[in-house]
Amino acid sequence: MPASRPIYEFPALPGPIAPSHAPNGSTAPLAHWAGDAANLLSDAFHWPEVPADAPADTPLAMWSGWIPDPDDPSPTFRHASPLTWMPAARAALEQRLLDARRMGLALALRPHARHAISDVPGVLDLARRHEHARVLLDPLAMLTDDMLPRAADHLRRILSDLATLPTILAVVGGAHADLLALIDELVPPHVPLVRPAETAP
């Protein structure tokens, strides 16, 4: 890992994505994580608040949203209905993004294979249509089960296609050796790495 790359820790609960290695000595959070339960596509959604003591430009980071699977007895962000990719859900996400822009809310969306923004084309479309929205790029979360046998190839494509986008806020990577090696190879050193707290140095 380049010594110049900033490294941040993901909180286990909603809270600041705080630095564990900041070459410039900064203690400011990268973003405020809204938590796994915050769902942009929920009918009951309300905007989480960024703490008042956070720097004014701190983005609110959250999943891009999903429609819960009605057959799932314990619905979580990992289980979504195919309705997530239908026009109504995409229109709802579009409205949320427009609302955030009108509110002057800095937003960073984290893609997931089962969510509204799930793949490389989805991230590229977000960058084209909503330059104000940042991306917390999580390559591992973008892999579907059938992609896992060739995970290294898919991770390389994701990073090759997306890592240099100006809207990328950071790349998420834990203790996955192949992914960390690809981040070193393909992600510019100024782009921060975000790791789960237990894998941070």
C-alpha atoms as a PDB file:
ATOM      1  CA  MET A   1       0.000   0.000   0.000  1.00  0.00           C
ATOM      2  CA  PRO A   2       1.537   3.384  -0.979  1.00  0.00           C
ATOM      3  CA  ALA A   3       2.543   5.388   2.096  1.00  0.00           C
ATOM      4  CA  SER A   4       0.804   8.389   0.552  1.00  0.00           C
ATOM      5  CA  ARG A   5      -2.627   6.722   0.390  1.00  0.00           C
ATOM      6  CA  PRO A   6      -5.007   7.933   3.129  1.00  0.00           C
ATOM      7  CA  ILE A   7      -6.646   5.096   5.062  1.00  0.00           C
ATOM      8  CA  TYR A   8      -9.958   5.355   6.901  1.00  0.00           C
ATOM      9  CA  GLU A   9     -11.968   3.005   9.111  1.00  0.00           C
ATOM     10  CA  PHE A  10     -15.584   2.028   8.553  1.00  0.00           C
ATOM     11  CA  PRO A  11     -17.581   2.300  11.781  1.00  0.00           C
ATOM     12  CA  ALA A  12     -19.557  -0.737  12.897  1.00  0.00           C
ATOM     13  CA  LEU A  13     -22.578   1.522  13.484  1.00  0.00           C
ATOM     14  CA  PRO A  14     -23.676   4.800  11.899  1.00  0.00           C
ATOM     15  CA  GLY A  15     -20.953   7.333  12.483  1.00  0.00           C
ATOM     16  CA  PRO A  16     -17.876   9.013  11.028  1.00  0.00           C
ATOM     17  CA  ILE A  17     -15.566   7.222   8.604  1.00  0.00           C
ATOM     18  CA  ALA A  18     -12.487   8.305  10.512  1.00  0.00           C
ATOM     19  CA  PRO A  19      -8.827   8.383   9.438  1.00  0.00           C
ATOM     20  CA  SER A  20      -6.356   5.798  10.713  1.00  0.00           C
ATOM     21  CA  HIS A  21      -3.545   6.951   8.402  1.00  0.00           C
ATOM     22  CA  ALA A  22      -3.657  10.486   7.040  1.00  0.00           C
ATOM     23  CA  PRO A  23      -0.367  11.596   5.427  1.00  0.00           C
ATOM     24  CA  ASN A  24      -1.354  15.250   5.866  1.00  0.00           C
ATOM     25  CA  GLY A  25      -2.200  14.756   9.536  1.00  0.00           C
ATOM     26  CA  SER A  26      -5.890  15.501   9.059  1.00  0.00           C
ATOM     27  CA  THR A  27      -8.334  14.216  11.655  1.00  0.00           C
ATOM     28  CA  ALA A  28     -11.449  15.125   9.657  1.00  0.00           C
ATOM     29  CA  PRO A  29     -13.788  12.266   8.729  1.00  0.00           C
ATOM     30  CA  LEU A  30     -14.005  11.198   5.111  1.00  0.00           C
ATOM     31  CA  ALA A  31     -17.793  10.987   5.380  1.00  0.00           C
ATOM     32  CA  HIS A  32     -20.565  10.144   7.829  1.00  0.00           C
ATOM     33  CA  TRP A  33     -21.805   6.566   7.331  1.00  0.00           C
ATOM     34  CA  ALA A  34     -25.595   6.370   7.597  1.00  0.00           C
ATOM     35  CA  GLY A  35     -25.547   2.672   8.491  1.00  0.00           C
ATOM     36  CA  ASP A  36     -26.738  -0.515   6.814  1.00  0.00           C
ATOM     37  CA  ALA A  37     -30.414   0.138   7.579  1.00  0.00           C
ATOM     38  CA  ALA A  38     -30.622   3.510   5.798  1.00  0.00           C
ATOM     39  CA  ASN A  39     -32.475   2.758   2.564  1.00  0.00           C
ATOM     40  CA  LEU A  40     -32.994   5.490  -0.034  1.00  0.00           C
ATOM     41  CA  LEU A  41     -35.797   3.503  -1.687  1.00  0.00           C
ATOM     42  CA  SER A  42     -37.827   2.858   1.457  1.00  0.00           C
ATOM     43  CA  ASP A  43     -41.255   4.482   1.639  1.00  0.00           C
ATOM     44  CA  ALA A  44     -40.384   5.405   5.230  1.00  0.00           C
ATOM     45  CA  PHE A  45     -37.002   6.930   4.330  1.00  0.00           C
ATOM     46  CA  HIS A  46     -35.919  10.138   6.008  1.00  0.00           C
ATOM     47  CA  TRP A  47     -32.576  11.830   5.591  1.00  0.00           C
ATOM     48  CA  PRO A  48     -30.117  10.924   8.375  1.00  0.00           C
ATOM     49  CA  GLU A  49     -28.450  13.901   9.973  1.00  0.00           C
ATOM     50  CA  VAL A  50     -24.735  14.556   9.741  1.00  0.00           C
ATOM     51  CA  PRO A  51     -23.579  15.612  13.242  1.00  0.00           C
ATOM     52  CA  ALA A  52     -23.476  19.355  13.750  1.00  0.00           C
ATOM     53  CA  ASP A  53     -19.806  19.228  14.778  1.00  0.00           C
ATOM     54  CA  ALA A  54     -18.713  17.579  11.499  1.00  0.00           C
ATOM     55  CA  PRO A  55     -16.989  19.792   8.913  1.00  0.00           C
ATOM     56  CA  ALA A  56     -19.544  21.554   6.731  1.00  0.00           C
ATOM     57  CA  ASP A  57     -18.654  19.629   3.567  1.00  0.00           C
ATOM     58  CA  THR A  58     -18.731  16.147   5.153  1.00  0.00           C
ATOM     59  CA  PRO A  59     -20.642  13.823   2.775  1.00  0.00           C
ATOM     60  CA  LEU A  60     -23.408  11.545   3.959  1.00  0.00           C
ATOM     61  CA  ALA A  61     -22.412   8.041   2.820  1.00  0.00           C
ATOM     62  CA  MET A  62     -25.047   5.375   2.283  1.00  0.00           C
ATOM     63  CA  TRP A  63     -26.074   2.416   0.174  1.00  0.00           C
ATOM     64  CA  SER A  64     -27.754   3.348  -3.117  1.00  0.00           C
ATOM     65  CA  GLY A  65     -31.047   1.780  -2.012  1.00  0.00           C
ATOM     66  CA  TRP A  66     -33.076  -1.382  -2.540  1.00  0.00           C
ATOM     67  CA  ILE A  67     -36.639  -2.695  -2.556  1.00  0.00           C
ATOM     68  CA  PRO A  68     -36.921  -5.320   0.214  1.00  0.00           C
ATOM     69  CA  ASP A  69     -37.727  -8.896  -0.759  1.00  0.00           C
ATOM     70  CA  PRO A  70     -41.254  -9.517   0.592  1.00  0.00           C
ATOM     71  CA  ASP A  71     -40.507 -13.249   0.931  1.00  0.00           C
ATOM     72  CA  ASP A  72     -37.485 -12.683   3.160  1.00  0.00           C
ATOM     73  CA  PRO A  73     -38.463 -13.255   6.820  1.00  0.00           C
ATOM     74  CA  SER A  74     -35.496 -11.179   8.015  1.00  0.00           C
ATOM     75  CA  PRO A  75     -34.971  -8.513   5.360  1.00  0.00           C
ATOM     76  CA  THR A  76     -31.580  -6.812   5.279  1.00  0.00           C
ATOM     77  CA  PHE A  77     -29.615  -4.732   2.788  1.00  0.00           C
ATOM     78  CA  ARG A  78     -28.187  -7.996   1.365  1.00  0.00           C
ATOM     79  CA  HIS A  79     -31.576  -9.264   0.143  1.00  0.00           C
ATOM     80  CA  ALA A  80     -33.466  -7.224  -2.415  1.00  0.00           C
ATOM     81  CA  SER A  81     -36.448  -7.747  -4.669  1.00  0.00           C
ATOM     82  CA  PRO A  82     -36.009  -7.645  -8.474  1.00  0.00           C
ATOM     83  CA  LEU A  83     -38.259  -4.572  -8.252  1.00  0.00           C
ATOM     84  CA  THR A  84     -35.066  -2.738  -7.234  1.00  0.00           C
ATOM     85  CA  TRP A  85     -34.097  -2.515 -10.914  1.00  0.00           C
ATOM     86  CA  MET A  86     -37.507  -1.563 -12.285  1.00  0.00           C
ATOM     87  CA  PRO A  87     -38.313   1.945 -13.589  1.00  0.00           C
ATOM     88  CA  ALA A  88     -40.301   2.972 -10.500  1.00  0.00           C
ATOM     89  CA  ALA A  89     -37.364   2.306  -8.193  1.00  0.00           C
ATOM     90  CA  ARG A  90     -34.952   4.102 -10.506  1.00  0.00           C
ATOM     91  CA  ALA A  91     -37.294   7.086 -10.622  1.00  0.00           C
ATOM     92  CA  ALA A  92     -37.432   7.095  -6.815  1.00  0.00           C
ATOM     93  CA  LEU A  93     -33.627   7.117  -6.614  1.00  0.00           C
ATOM     94  CA  GLU A  94     -33.482   9.922  -9.154  1.00  0.00           C
ATOM     95  CA  GLN A  95     -35.860  11.959  -6.992  1.00  0.00           C
ATOM     96  CA  ARG A  96     -33.762  11.349  -3.877  1.00  0.00           C
ATOM     97  CA  LEU A  97     -30.653  12.560  -5.712  1.00  0.00           C
ATOM     98  CA  LEU A  98     -32.451  15.682  -6.895  1.00  0.00           C
ATOM     99  CA  ASP A  99     -33.731  16.288  -3.367  1.00  0.00           C
ATOM    100  CA  ALA A 100     -30.193  16.013  -1.981  1.00  0.00           C
ATOM    101  CA  ARG A 101     -28.942  18.488  -4.535  1.00  0.00           C
ATOM    102  CA  ARG A 102     -31.700  20.985  -3.713  1.00  0.00           C
ATOM    103  CA  MET A 103     -30.924  20.618  -0.010  1.00  0.00           C
ATOM    104  CA  GLY A 104     -27.220  21.222  -0.620  1.00  0.00           C
ATOM    105  CA  LEU A 105     -26.512  17.800   0.914  1.00  0.00           C
ATOM    106  CA  ALA A 106     -23.195  16.211  -0.027  1.00  0.00           C
ATOM    107  CA  LEU A 107     -23.946  12.569  -0.796  1.00  0.00           C
ATOM    108  CA  ALA A 108     -21.710   9.541  -1.366  1.00  0.00           C
ATOM    109  CA  LEU A 109     -23.419   6.378  -2.602  1.00  0.00           C
ATOM    110  CA  ARG A 110     -22.016   2.888  -2.029  1.00  0.00           C
ATOM    111  CA  PRO A 111     -22.938   0.438  -4.819  1.00  0.00           C
ATOM    112  CA  HIS A 112     -24.020  -3.137  -4.109  1.00  0.00           C
ATOM    113  CA  ALA A 113     -24.791  -6.001  -6.482  1.00  0.00           C
ATOM    114  CA  ARG A 114     -28.396  -6.190  -5.202  1.00  0.00           C
ATOM    115  CA  HIS A 115     -29.069  -2.456  -5.023  1.00  0.00           C
ATOM    116  CA  ALA A 116     -30.206   0.269  -7.385  1.00  0.00           C
ATOM    117  CA  ILE A 117     -26.617   1.081  -8.364  1.00  0.00           C
ATOM    118  CA  SER A 118     -25.114  -2.353  -8.748  1.00  0.00           C
ATOM    119  CA  ASP A 119     -22.505  -2.454 -11.486  1.00  0.00           C
ATOM    120  CA  VAL A 120     -20.035  -0.534 -13.646  1.00  0.00           C
ATOM    121  CA  PRO A 121     -22.674   0.924 -16.030  1.00  0.00           C
ATOM    122  CA  GLY A 122     -24.736   2.076 -13.056  1.00  0.00           C
ATOM    123  CA  VAL A 123     -21.803   3.925 -11.494  1.00  0.00           C
ATOM    124  CA  LEU A 124     -20.876   5.491 -14.842  1.00  0.00           C
ATOM    125  CA  ASP A 125     -24.475   6.639 -15.335  1.00  0.00           C
ATOM    126  CA  LEU A 126     -24.512   8.154 -11.840  1.00  0.00           C
ATOM    127  CA  ALA A 127     -21.276  10.033 -12.568  1.00  0.00           C
ATOM    128  CA  ARG A 128     -22.688  11.323 -15.865  1.00  0.00           C
ATOM    129  CA  ARG A 129     -26.090  12.397 -14.561  1.00  0.00           C
ATOM    130  CA  HIS A 130     -25.238  13.547 -11.034  1.00  0.00           C
ATOM    131  CA  GLU A 131     -21.788  15.069 -10.800  1.00  0.00           C
ATOM    132  CA  HIS A 132     -22.601  16.337  -7.289  1.00  0.00           C
ATOM    133  CA  ALA A 133     -22.968  12.769  -5.968  1.00  0.00           C
ATOM    134  CA  ARG A 134     -19.779  10.990  -4.933  1.00  0.00           C
ATOM    135  CA  VAL A 135     -19.192   7.237  -5.003  1.00  0.00           C
ATOM    136  CA  LEU A 136     -17.868   5.118  -2.157  1.00  0.00           C
ATOM    137  CA  LEU A 137     -16.677   2.334  -4.442  1.00  0.00           C
ATOM    138  CA  ASP A 138     -16.977  -1.132  -2.889  1.00  0.00           C
ATOM    139  CA  PRO A 139     -15.787  -3.664  -5.509  1.00  0.00           C
ATOM    140  CA  LEU A 140     -16.412  -6.737  -3.345  1.00  0.00           C
ATOM    141  CA  ALA A 141     -20.002  -5.680  -2.650  1.00  0.00           C
ATOM    142  CA  MET A 142     -20.568  -5.396  -6.412  1.00  0.00           C
ATOM    143  CA  LEU A 143     -19.854  -9.103  -7.012  1.00  0.00           C
ATOM    144  CA  THR A 144     -22.794 -11.457  -7.486  1.00  0.00           C
ATOM    145  CA  ASP A 145     -22.518 -15.105  -6.449  1.00  0.00           C
ATOM    146  CA  ASP A 146     -21.914 -16.245 -10.023  1.00  0.00           C
ATOM    147  CA  MET A 147     -19.021 -13.781 -10.347  1.00  0.00           C
ATOM    148  CA  LEU A 148     -17.100 -15.221  -7.400  1.00  0.00           C
ATOM    149  CA  PRO A 149     -15.273 -18.023  -9.294  1.00  0.00           C
ATOM    150  CA  ARG A 150     -13.608 -15.310 -11.423  1.00  0.00           C
ATOM    151  CA  ALA A 151     -13.599 -12.636  -8.742  1.00  0.00           C
ATOM    152  CA  ALA A 152     -10.114 -11.339  -9.555  1.00  0.00           C
ATOM    153  CA  ASP A 153     -11.090 -10.669 -13.187  1.00  0.00           C
ATOM    154  CA  HIS A 154     -14.270  -8.855 -12.179  1.00  0.00           C
ATOM    155  CA  LEU A 155     -12.502  -6.799  -9.517  1.00  0.00           C
ATOM    156  CA  ARG A 156      -9.898  -5.747 -12.083  1.00  0.00           C
ATOM    157  CA  ARG A 157     -12.594  -4.625 -14.493  1.00  0.00           C
ATOM    158  CA  ILE A 158     -14.457  -2.670 -11.815  1.00  0.00           C
ATOM    159  CA  LEU A 159     -11.328  -0.816 -10.734  1.00  0.00           C
ATOM    160  CA  SER A 160     -10.010  -0.332 -14.273  1.00  0.00           C
ATOM    161  CA  ASP A 161     -13.289   1.230 -15.389  1.00  0.00           C
ATOM    162  CA  LEU A 162     -14.113   3.298 -12.318  1.00  0.00           C
ATOM    163  CA  ALA A 163     -11.137   4.064 -10.065  1.00  0.00           C
ATOM    164  CA  THR A 164     -10.085   7.224 -11.900  1.00  0.00           C
ATOM    165  CA  LEU A 165     -13.548   8.814 -12.048  1.00  0.00           C
ATOM    166  CA  PRO A 166     -13.459  12.256 -10.402  1.00  0.00           C
ATOM    167  CA  THR A 167     -16.592  11.341  -8.422  1.00  0.00           C
ATOM    168  CA  ILE A 168     -14.878   8.468  -6.569  1.00  0.00           C
ATOM    169  CA  LEU A 169     -14.634   9.469  -2.908  1.00  0.00           C
ATOM    170  CA  ALA A 170     -12.757   6.346  -1.791  1.00  0.00           C
ATOM    171  CA  VAL A 171     -12.416   2.610  -2.401  1.00  0.00           C
ATOM    172  CA  VAL A 172     -13.574   0.074   0.178  1.00  0.00           C
ATOM    173  CA  GLY A 173     -11.249  -2.873   0.757  1.00  0.00           C
ATOM    174  CA  GLY A 174     -10.737  -5.173   3.724  1.00  0.00           C
ATOM    175  CA  ALA A 175      -8.462  -8.158   4.223  1.00  0.00           C
ATOM    176  CA  HIS A 176      -8.801  -9.415   0.634  1.00  0.00           C
ATOM    177  CA  ALA A 177      -5.289  -9.833  -0.750  1.00  0.00           C
ATOM    178  CA  ASP A 178      -6.261  -9.825  -4.449  1.00  0.00           C
ATOM    179  CA  LEU A 179      -8.343  -6.682  -4.069  1.00  0.00           C
ATOM    180  CA  LEU A 180      -5.669  -4.822  -2.104  1.00  0.00           C
ATOM    181  CA  ALA A 181      -3.084  -5.716  -4.750  1.00  0.00           C
ATOM    182  CA  LEU A 182      -5.379  -4.434  -7.493  1.00  0.00           C
ATOM    183  CA  ILE A 183      -6.029  -1.225  -5.548  1.00  0.00           C
ATOM    184  CA  ASP A 184      -2.268  -0.660  -5.354  1.00  0.00           C
ATOM    185  CA  GLU A 185      -1.984  -1.284  -9.103  1.00  0.00           C
ATOM    186  CA  LEU A 186      -5.015   0.549 -10.460  1.00  0.00           C
ATOM    187  CA  VAL A 187      -6.215   3.178  -7.980  1.00  0.00           C
ATOM    188  CA  PRO A 188      -4.382   6.531  -7.903  1.00  0.00           C
ATOM    189  CA  PRO A 189      -2.511   6.920  -4.595  1.00  0.00           C
ATOM    190  CA  HIS A 190      -4.449  10.040  -3.589  1.00  0.00           C
ATOM    191  CA  VAL A 191      -7.733   8.069  -3.536  1.00  0.00           C
ATOM    192  CA  PRO A 192      -8.386   6.921   0.044  1.00  0.00           C
ATOM    193  CA  LEU A 193      -8.855   3.324   1.140  1.00  0.00           C
ATOM    194  CA  VAL A 194     -11.663   2.571   3.584  1.00  0.00           C
ATOM    195  CA  ARG A 195     -11.322  -0.592   5.639  1.00  0.00           C
ATOM    196  CA  PRO A 196     -13.395  -2.240   8.353  1.00  0.00           C
ATOM    197  CA  ALA A 197     -12.023  -1.159  11.706  1.00  0.00           C
ATOM    198  CA  GLU A 198     -10.753  -4.641  12.565  1.00  0.00           C
ATOM    199  CA  THR A 199      -8.477  -4.740   9.490  1.00  0.00           C
ATOM    200  CA  ALA A 200      -7.017  -1.256   9.877  1.00  0.00           C
ATOM    201  CA  PRO A 201      -3.351  -0.972  10.980  1.00  0.00           C
END
